[in-house]
PDB file of N, CA and C in Angstrom:
ATOM      1  N   MET A   1       8.842 -18.396  -3.106  1.00  0.00           N
ATOM      2  CA  MET A   1      10.312 -18.351  -3.618  1.00  0.00           C
ATOM      3  C   MET A   1      11.313 -18.121  -2.658  1.00  0.00           C
ATOM      4  N   LEU A   2      10.940 -17.301  -1.353  1.00  0.00           N
ATOM      5  CA  LEU A   2      11.642 -17.307  -0.411  1.00  0.00           C
ATOM      6  C   LEU A   2      11.605 -18.493   0.651  1.00  0.00           C
ATOM      7  N   LEU A   3      10.693 -19.282   0.429  1.00  0.00           N
ATOM      8  CA  LEU A   3      10.693 -20.852   1.409  1.00  0.00           C
ATOM      9  C   LEU A   3      11.490 -21.587   0.217  1.00  0.00           C
ATOM     10  N   ALA A   4      11.989 -21.453  -0.823  1.00  0.00           N
ATOM     11  CA  ALA A   4      12.652 -22.381  -1.177  1.00  0.00           C
ATOM     12  C   ALA A   4      14.051 -22.643  -1.308  1.00  0.00           C
ATOM     13  N   LEU A   5      14.248 -20.989  -0.587  1.00  0.00           N
ATOM     14  CA  LEU A   5      16.057 -20.599  -0.630  1.00  0.00           C
ATOM     15  C   LEU A   5      16.217 -21.330   1.011  1.00  0.00           C
ATOM     16  N   PRO A   6      17.661 -21.526   0.687  1.00  0.00           N
ATOM     17  CA  PRO A   6      18.313 -22.397   2.233  1.00  0.00           C
ATOM     18  C   PRO A   6      17.989 -21.429   2.715  1.00  0.00           C
ATOM     19  N   PRO A   7      17.455 -21.093   4.135  1.00  0.00           N
ATOM     20  CA  PRO A   7      17.394 -20.090   5.488  1.00  0.00           C
ATOM     21  C   PRO A   7      19.226 -19.139   5.317  1.00  0.00           C
ATOM     22  N   ARG A   8      20.369 -19.634   5.058  1.00  0.00           N
ATOM     23  CA  ARG A   8      21.425 -18.953   4.639  1.00  0.00           C
ATOM     24  C   ARG A   8      21.337 -17.897   3.814  1.00  0.00           C
ATOM     25  N   LEU A   9      20.735 -18.344   2.602  1.00  0.00           N
ATOM     26  CA  LEU A   9      20.317 -17.348   1.757  1.00  0.00           C
ATOM     27  C   LEU A   9      19.894 -16.338   1.965  1.00  0.00           C
ATOM     28  N   ARG A  10      18.807 -16.490   2.570  1.00  0.00           N
ATOM     29  CA  ARG A  10      17.684 -15.181   3.137  1.00  0.00           C
ATOM     30  C   ARG A  10      18.300 -14.337   3.718  1.00  0.00           C
ATOM     31  N   ALA A  11      19.271 -13.937   3.070  1.00  0.00           N
ATOM     32  CA  ALA A  11      19.990 -12.729   3.300  1.00  0.00           C
ATOM     33  C   ALA A  11      19.263 -10.981   2.935  1.00  0.00           C
ATOM     34  N   ARG A  12      18.367 -10.979   2.244  1.00  0.00           N
ATOM     35  CA  ARG A  12      18.089  -9.726   2.045  1.00  0.00           C
ATOM     36  C   ARG A  12      16.231  -9.775   2.465  1.00  0.00           C
ATOM     37  N   ARG A  13      16.424  -8.452   2.981  1.00  0.00           N
ATOM     38  CA  ARG A  13      14.695  -8.572   3.397  1.00  0.00           C
ATOM     39  C   ARG A  13      14.184  -7.849   2.108  1.00  0.00           C
ATOM     40  N   VAL A  14      12.795  -8.563   2.402  1.00  0.00           N
ATOM     41  CA  VAL A  14      11.682  -7.990   1.314  1.00  0.00           C
ATOM     42  C   VAL A  14      10.446  -7.206   2.180  1.00  0.00           C
ATOM     43  N   HIS A  15      10.127  -6.076   1.317  1.00  0.00           N
ATOM     44  CA  HIS A  15       8.757  -5.184   1.991  1.00  0.00           C
ATOM     45  C   HIS A  15       7.949  -5.626   1.117  1.00  0.00           C
ATOM     46  N   VAL A  16       7.179  -5.770   1.692  1.00  0.00           N
ATOM     47  CA  VAL A  16       5.562  -5.982   1.445  1.00  0.00           C
ATOM     48  C   VAL A  16       4.792  -4.802   1.790  1.00  0.00           C
ATOM     49  N   VAL A  17       4.367  -3.706   0.677  1.00  0.00           N
ATOM     50  CA  VAL A  17       4.093  -2.389   1.075  1.00  0.00           C
ATOM     51  C   VAL A  17       2.717  -2.390   0.137  1.00  0.00           C
ATOM     52  N   ALA A  18       1.496  -1.514   1.040  1.00  0.00           N
ATOM     53  CA  ALA A  18      -0.041  -1.523   0.305  1.00  0.00           C
ATOM     54  C   ALA A  18       0.028   0.101   0.178  1.00  0.00           C
ATOM     55  N   ASN A  19      -0.644   0.747  -0.285  1.00  0.00           N
ATOM     56  CA  ASN A  19      -0.939   2.059  -0.158  1.00  0.00           C
ATOM     57  C   ASN A  19      -2.741   1.963   0.329  1.00  0.00           C
ATOM     58  N   ASP A  20      -2.861   2.497   1.304  1.00  0.00           N
ATOM     59  CA  ASP A  20      -4.703   2.992   1.552  1.00  0.00           C
ATOM     60  C   ASP A  20      -4.948   4.010   1.098  1.00  0.00           C
ATOM     61  N   THR A  21      -5.809   4.495   0.203  1.00  0.00           N
ATOM     62  CA  THR A  21      -5.726   5.976  -0.488  1.00  0.00           C
ATOM     63  C   THR A  21      -6.919   6.319   0.119  1.00  0.00           C
ATOM     64  N   LEU A  22      -7.366   6.009   1.054  1.00  0.00           N
ATOM     65  CA  LEU A  22      -8.204   6.026   1.676  1.00  0.00           C
ATOM     66  C   LEU A  22      -9.571   6.639   1.044  1.00  0.00           C
ATOM     67  N   VAL A  23      -9.691   5.866  -0.476  1.00  0.00           N
ATOM     68  CA  VAL A  23     -10.891   6.391  -1.082  1.00  0.00           C
ATOM     69  C   VAL A  23     -11.069   4.869  -1.341  1.00  0.00           C
ATOM     70  N   GLU A  24     -11.016   3.385  -1.079  1.00  0.00           N
ATOM     71  CA  GLU A  24     -11.553   2.340  -1.477  1.00  0.00           C
ATOM     72  C   GLU A  24     -12.796   2.175  -0.339  1.00  0.00           C
ATOM     73  N   SER A  25     -13.840   1.134  -0.918  1.00  0.00           N
ATOM     74  CA  SER A  25     -14.723   0.898  -0.389  1.00  0.00           C
ATOM     75  C   SER A  25     -14.326  -0.015   0.762  1.00  0.00           C
ATOM     76  N   PRO A  26     -15.024   0.010   1.801  1.00  0.00           N
ATOM     77  CA  PRO A  26     -14.562  -0.546   3.259  1.00  0.00           C
ATOM     78  C   PRO A  26     -14.563  -1.933   3.117  1.00  0.00           C
ATOM     79  N   VAL A  27     -15.054  -2.805   2.441  1.00  0.00           N
ATOM     80  CA  VAL A  27     -14.836  -4.111   1.781  1.00  0.00           C
ATOM     81  C   VAL A  27     -13.712  -4.297   1.321  1.00  0.00           C
ATOM     82  N   ILE A  28     -12.784  -3.331   0.225  1.00  0.00           N
ATOM     83  CA  ILE A  28     -11.832  -3.465  -0.073  1.00  0.00           C
ATOM     84  C   ILE A  28     -10.824  -3.061   1.046  1.00  0.00           C
ATOM     85  N   ALA A  29     -11.037  -2.204   1.370  1.00  0.00           N
ATOM     86  CA  ALA A  29      -9.745  -1.575   2.903  1.00  0.00           C
ATOM     87  C   ALA A  29      -9.954  -2.699   3.876  1.00  0.00           C
ATOM     88  N   SER A  30     -11.156  -3.820   4.095  1.00  0.00           N
ATOM     89  CA  SER A  30     -11.157  -4.518   4.823  1.00  0.00           C
ATOM     90  C   SER A  30     -10.270  -5.725   4.378  1.00  0.00           C
ATOM     91  N   HIS A  31     -10.459  -6.107   3.058  1.00  0.00           N
ATOM     92  CA  HIS A  31      -9.832  -7.274   2.750  1.00  0.00           C
ATOM     93  C   HIS A  31      -7.800  -6.776   2.402  1.00  0.00           C
ATOM     94  N   LEU A  32      -7.682  -5.735   2.354  1.00  0.00           N
ATOM     95  CA  LEU A  32      -6.235  -5.373   2.050  1.00  0.00           C
ATOM     96  C   LEU A  32      -6.101  -5.430   3.751  1.00  0.00           C
ATOM     97  N   GLN A  33      -6.633  -5.009   4.742  1.00  0.00           N
ATOM     98  CA  GLN A  33      -6.320  -5.602   6.182  1.00  0.00           C
ATOM     99  C   GLN A  33      -5.766  -6.774   6.331  1.00  0.00           C
ATOM    100  N   SER A  34      -6.349  -7.637   5.675  1.00  0.00           N
ATOM    101  CA  SER A  34      -6.827  -8.663   6.232  1.00  0.00           C
ATOM    102  C   SER A  34      -5.602  -9.701   5.307  1.00  0.00           C
ATOM    103  N   VAL A  35      -5.616  -9.308   4.249  1.00  0.00           N
ATOM    104  CA  VAL A  35      -4.519 -10.069   3.823  1.00  0.00           C
ATOM    105  C   VAL A  35      -2.840  -9.546   4.347  1.00  0.00           C
ATOM    106  N   LEU A  36      -2.730  -8.323   4.293  1.00  0.00           N
ATOM    107  CA  LEU A  36      -1.173  -7.711   5.655  1.00  0.00           C
ATOM    108  C   LEU A  36      -1.515  -8.585   6.845  1.00  0.00           C
ATOM    109  N   ASP A  37      -2.341  -8.447   7.586  1.00  0.00           N
ATOM    110  CA  ASP A  37      -2.293  -9.325   8.757  1.00  0.00           C
ATOM    111  C   ASP A  37      -2.097 -10.670   8.679  1.00  0.00           C
ATOM    112  N   ARG A  38      -2.456 -11.408   7.600  1.00  0.00           N
ATOM    113  CA  ARG A  38      -2.157 -12.558   7.451  1.00  0.00           C
ATOM    114  C   ARG A  38      -0.322 -13.072   7.087  1.00  0.00           C
ATOM    115  N   ILE A  39      -0.374 -12.130   6.353  1.00  0.00           N
ATOM    116  CA  ILE A  39       1.009 -12.540   6.094  1.00  0.00           C
ATOM    117  C   ILE A  39       2.240 -11.511   7.119  1.00  0.00           C
ATOM    118  N   ALA A  40       1.784 -10.916   7.505  1.00  0.00           N
ATOM    119  CA  ALA A  40       2.372 -10.350   9.094  1.00  0.00           C
ATOM    120  C   ALA A  40       2.466 -11.510  10.012  1.00  0.00           C
ATOM    121  N   GLY A  41       1.221 -12.197  10.307  1.00  0.00           N
ATOM    122  CA  GLY A  41       1.477 -13.815  11.289  1.00  0.00           C
ATOM    123  C   GLY A  41       2.169 -14.576  10.766  1.00  0.00           C
ATOM    124  N   SER A  42       2.447 -14.914   9.738  1.00  0.00           N
ATOM    125  CA  SER A  42       3.845 -16.385   8.841  1.00  0.00           C
ATOM    126  C   SER A  42       4.817 -16.104   8.935  1.00  0.00           C
ATOM    127  N   ILE A  43       5.155 -14.816   8.841  1.00  0.00           N
ATOM    128  CA  ILE A  43       6.663 -14.402   8.925  1.00  0.00           C
ATOM    129  C   ILE A  43       6.939 -14.935  10.322  1.00  0.00           C
ATOM    130  N   ASP A  44       7.002 -14.763  11.504  1.00  0.00           N
ATOM    131  CA  ASP A  44       8.243 -15.409  12.000  1.00  0.00           C
ATOM    132  C   ASP A  44       8.033 -16.610  12.469  1.00  0.00           C
ATOM    133  N   ALA A  45       6.851 -17.448  11.873  1.00  0.00           N
ATOM    134  CA  ALA A  45       6.507 -18.937  11.895  1.00  0.00           C
ATOM    135  C   ALA A  45       7.448 -19.447  10.834  1.00  0.00           C
ATOM    136  N   LEU A  46       7.558 -18.511   9.955  1.00  0.00           N
ATOM    137  CA  LEU A  46       8.382 -19.361   8.482  1.00  0.00           C
ATOM    138  C   LEU A  46       9.690 -18.678   8.714  1.00  0.00           C
ATOM    139  N   ARG A  47      10.218 -17.975   9.852  1.00  0.00           N
ATOM    140  CA  ARG A  47      11.605 -17.364   9.983  1.00  0.00           C
ATOM    141  C   ARG A  47      11.626 -16.626   8.663  1.00  0.00           C
ATOM    142  N   LEU A  48      11.006 -15.945   8.222  1.00  0.00           N
ATOM    143  CA  LEU A  48      11.897 -15.221   6.655  1.00  0.00           C
ATOM    144  C   LEU A  48      11.310 -13.689   7.037  1.00  0.00           C
ATOM    145  N   PRO A  49      12.708 -13.031   6.278  1.00  0.00           N
ATOM    146  CA  PRO A  49      13.089 -11.879   6.039  1.00  0.00           C
ATOM    147  C   PRO A  49      12.237 -11.121   5.313  1.00  0.00           C
ATOM    148  N   VAL A  50      11.181 -10.789   5.805  1.00  0.00           N
ATOM    149  CA  VAL A  50       9.990  -9.887   5.444  1.00  0.00           C
ATOM    150  C   VAL A  50       9.362  -8.906   6.442  1.00  0.00           C
ATOM    151  N   THR A  51       9.375  -7.680   5.486  1.00  0.00           N
ATOM    152  CA  THR A  51       8.767  -6.441   6.668  1.00  0.00           C
ATOM    153  C   THR A  51       7.541  -6.041   5.774  1.00  0.00           C
ATOM    154  N   VAL A  52       6.215  -5.978   6.665  1.00  0.00           N
ATOM    155  CA  VAL A  52       4.977  -5.197   6.225  1.00  0.00           C
ATOM    156  C   VAL A  52       4.352  -4.532   6.546  1.00  0.00           C
ATOM    157  N   ALA A  53       3.943  -3.664   5.215  1.00  0.00           N
ATOM    158  CA  ALA A  53       3.828  -1.957   5.817  1.00  0.00           C
ATOM    159  C   ALA A  53       2.535  -1.334   5.034  1.00  0.00           C
ATOM    160  N   LYS A  54       1.301  -0.844   6.147  1.00  0.00           N
ATOM    161  CA  LYS A  54       0.674  -0.270   5.237  1.00  0.00           C
ATOM    162  C   LYS A  54       0.490   1.432   5.266  1.00  0.00           C
ATOM    163  N   THR A  55       0.865   2.241   4.146  1.00  0.00           N
ATOM    164  CA  THR A  55       0.905   3.596   4.082  1.00  0.00           C
ATOM    165  C   THR A  55      -0.266   4.020   3.966  1.00  0.00           C
ATOM    166  N   VAL A  56      -0.508   5.514   4.431  1.00  0.00           N
ATOM    167  CA  VAL A  56      -1.615   6.086   3.860  1.00  0.00           C
ATOM    168  C   VAL A  56      -0.966   7.553   3.677  1.00  0.00           C
ATOM    169  N   PRO A  57      -1.967   8.295   3.150  1.00  0.00           N
ATOM    170  CA  PRO A  57      -1.271   9.653   2.604  1.00  0.00           C
ATOM    171  C   PRO A  57      -1.702  10.738   4.132  1.00  0.00           C
ATOM    172  N   ASP A  58      -1.060  11.912   3.991  1.00  0.00           N
ATOM    173  CA  ASP A  58      -1.180  12.606   5.159  1.00  0.00           C
ATOM    174  C   ASP A  58      -2.442  12.982   4.978  1.00  0.00           C
ATOM    175  N   THR A  59      -3.050  13.845   5.616  1.00  0.00           N
ATOM    176  CA  THR A  59      -3.930  14.567   5.681  1.00  0.00           C
ATOM    177  C   THR A  59      -4.471  14.866   4.424  1.00  0.00           C
ATOM    178  N   ASP A  60      -3.488  16.284   4.240  1.00  0.00           N
ATOM    179  CA  ASP A  60      -3.230  17.140   3.886  1.00  0.00           C
ATOM    180  C   ASP A  60      -3.214  16.915   1.910  1.00  0.00           C
ATOM    181  N   HIS A  61      -2.459  15.698   1.987  1.00  0.00           N
ATOM    182  CA  HIS A  61      -2.468  14.750   0.732  1.00  0.00           C
ATOM    183  C   HIS A  61      -3.314  13.687  -0.032  1.00  0.00           C
ATOM    184  N   THR A  62      -4.632  13.902   1.089  1.00  0.00           N
ATOM    185  CA  THR A  62      -5.973  13.043   0.257  1.00  0.00           C
ATOM    186  C   THR A  62      -6.056  13.033  -1.064  1.00  0.00           C
ATOM    187  N   PHE A  63      -7.062  12.155  -1.500  1.00  0.00           N
ATOM    188  CA  PHE A  63      -7.784  12.206  -2.737  1.00  0.00           C
ATOM    189  C   PHE A  63      -8.986  13.679  -2.125  1.00  0.00           C
ATOM    190  N   TRP A  64      -9.544  12.988  -1.143  1.00  0.00           N
ATOM    191  CA  TRP A  64     -10.374  14.307  -1.343  1.00  0.00           C
ATOM    192  C   TRP A  64     -10.057  16.303  -0.735  1.00  0.00           C
ATOM    193  N   VAL A  65      -9.135  16.123  -0.320  1.00  0.00           N
ATOM    194  CA  VAL A  65      -8.864  17.507  -0.227  1.00  0.00           C
ATOM    195  C   VAL A  65      -7.911  17.818  -1.375  1.00  0.00           C
ATOM    196  N   ASN A  66      -7.628  17.113  -2.234  1.00  0.00           N
ATOM    197  CA  ASN A  66      -6.876  17.948  -3.464  1.00  0.00           C
ATOM    198  C   ASN A  66      -8.022  17.982  -4.838  1.00  0.00           C
ATOM    199  N   LEU A  67      -9.280  17.050  -4.461  1.00  0.00           N
ATOM    200  CA  LEU A  67     -10.129  17.047  -5.186  1.00  0.00           C
ATOM    201  C   LEU A  67     -11.276  18.605  -5.077  1.00  0.00           C
ATOM    202  N   ILE A  68     -11.345  18.067  -3.705  1.00  0.00           N
ATOM    203  CA  ILE A  68     -12.141  19.614  -2.986  1.00  0.00           C
ATOM    204  C   ILE A  68     -11.890  20.877  -2.465  1.00  0.00           C
ATOM    205  N   GLY A  69     -10.725  20.559  -1.724  1.00  0.00           N
ATOM    206  CA  GLY A  69     -10.033  21.380  -1.484  1.00  0.00           C
ATOM    207  C   GLY A  69      -9.279  22.318  -2.036  1.00  0.00           C
ATOM    208  N   ARG A  70      -8.406  21.864  -3.036  1.00  0.00           N
ATOM    209  CA  ARG A  70      -7.450  22.217  -3.948  1.00  0.00           C
ATOM    210  C   ARG A  70      -8.136  22.569  -5.485  1.00  0.00           C
ATOM    211  N   GLY A  71      -9.580  21.892  -5.646  1.00  0.00           N
ATOM    212  CA  GLY A  71      -9.589  21.813  -6.714  1.00  0.00           C
ATOM    213  C   GLY A  71      -9.270  21.156  -8.397  1.00  0.00           C
ATOM    214  N   TYR A  72      -8.285  19.950  -7.433  1.00  0.00           N
ATOM    215  CA  TYR A  72      -7.741  19.764  -9.222  1.00  0.00           C
ATOM    216  C   TYR A  72      -8.785  18.616  -9.964  1.00  0.00           C
ATOM    217  N   PRO A  73      -9.038  18.310 -10.909  1.00  0.00           N
ATOM    218  CA  PRO A  73      -9.688  17.839 -11.802  1.00  0.00           C
ATOM    219  C   PRO A  73      -9.990  16.636 -11.065  1.00  0.00           C
ATOM    220  N   SER A  74     -11.212  15.784 -11.182  1.00  0.00           N
ATOM    221  CA  SER A  74     -11.541  14.521 -11.033  1.00  0.00           C
ATOM    222  C   SER A  74     -10.749  13.568 -12.043  1.00  0.00           C
ATOM    223  N   PRO A  75     -10.457  12.334 -11.593  1.00  0.00           N
ATOM    224  CA  PRO A  75      -9.870  11.499 -12.838  1.00  0.00           C
ATOM    225  C   PRO A  75     -10.732  11.311 -13.674  1.00  0.00           C
ATOM    226  N   SER A  76     -10.362  11.123 -14.991  1.00  0.00           N
ATOM    227  CA  SER A  76     -10.663  10.740 -16.242  1.00  0.00           C
ATOM    228  C   SER A  76      -9.471  10.309 -17.050  1.00  0.00           C
ATOM    229  N   ARG A  77     -10.357   9.993 -18.282  1.00  0.00           N
ATOM    230  CA  ARG A  77      -8.853   9.193 -19.449  1.00  0.00           C
ATOM    231  C   ARG A  77      -8.197   9.853 -19.317  1.00  0.00           C
ATOM    232  N   MET A  78      -7.940  11.360 -19.230  1.00  0.00           N
ATOM    233  CA  MET A  78      -7.015  12.577 -19.372  1.00  0.00           C
ATOM    234  C   MET A  78      -5.984  12.583 -18.569  1.00  0.00           C
ATOM    235  N   PHE A  79      -6.122  11.830 -17.200  1.00  0.00           N
ATOM    236  CA  PHE A  79      -6.048  12.631 -15.781  1.00  0.00           C
ATOM    237  C   PHE A  79      -4.636  11.536 -15.819  1.00  0.00           C
ATOM    238  N   PRO A  80      -3.381  12.029 -14.933  1.00  0.00           N
ATOM    239  CA  PRO A  80      -3.189  13.471 -14.908  1.00  0.00           C
ATOM    240  C   PRO A  80      -2.933  14.857 -15.381  1.00  0.00           C
ATOM    241  N   ALA A  81      -3.028  13.871 -17.059  1.00  0.00           N
ATOM    242  CA  ALA A  81      -2.290  14.792 -17.727  1.00  0.00           C
ATOM    243  C   ALA A  81      -2.753  16.714 -17.514  1.00  0.00           C
ATOM    244  N   GLY A  82      -4.122  16.374 -16.965  1.00  0.00           N
ATOM    245  CA  GLY A  82      -5.225  17.840 -16.776  1.00  0.00           C
ATOM    246  C   GLY A  82      -4.805  18.667 -16.103  1.00  0.00           C
ATOM    247  N   ALA A  83      -4.147  17.538 -14.262  1.00  0.00           N
ATOM    248  CA  ALA A  83      -4.115  17.839 -13.287  1.00  0.00           C
ATOM    249  C   ALA A  83      -2.630  18.904 -13.488  1.00  0.00           C
ATOM    250  N   PRO A  84      -3.136  20.096 -12.426  1.00  0.00           N
ATOM    251  CA  PRO A  84      -1.891  21.026 -12.135  1.00  0.00           C
ATOM    252  C   PRO A  84      -0.635  20.190 -11.085  1.00  0.00           C
ATOM    253  N   THR A  85       0.160  20.870 -11.494  1.00  0.00           N
ATOM    254  CA  THR A  85       1.734  20.380 -10.925  1.00  0.00           C
ATOM    255  C   THR A  85       2.179  21.302  -9.993  1.00  0.00           C
ATOM    256  N   GLY A  86       2.858  20.235  -9.638  1.00  0.00           N
ATOM    257  CA  GLY A  86       3.982  21.481  -8.295  1.00  0.00           C
ATOM    258  C   GLY A  86       3.466  21.336  -7.110  1.00  0.00           C
TER     259      GLY A  86
END
């Protein structure tokens, strides 16, 4: 879609954001990084106003810290309805 626009109309920055929850399998995490790297590697050559970012939770807010350390319930069909709030 961005390539279909004339360069003068590509004024707004597009943000591609992916979140690595640190729970994904190594294969999925590797694939995510590969896709983000390919997107980022194409931006300059195509002169697109795109920013690529991958976020990860702070250690204190990871799935495992919440599940094991804080005792939050594990995901289920009712999750997050039964999870503590606040």
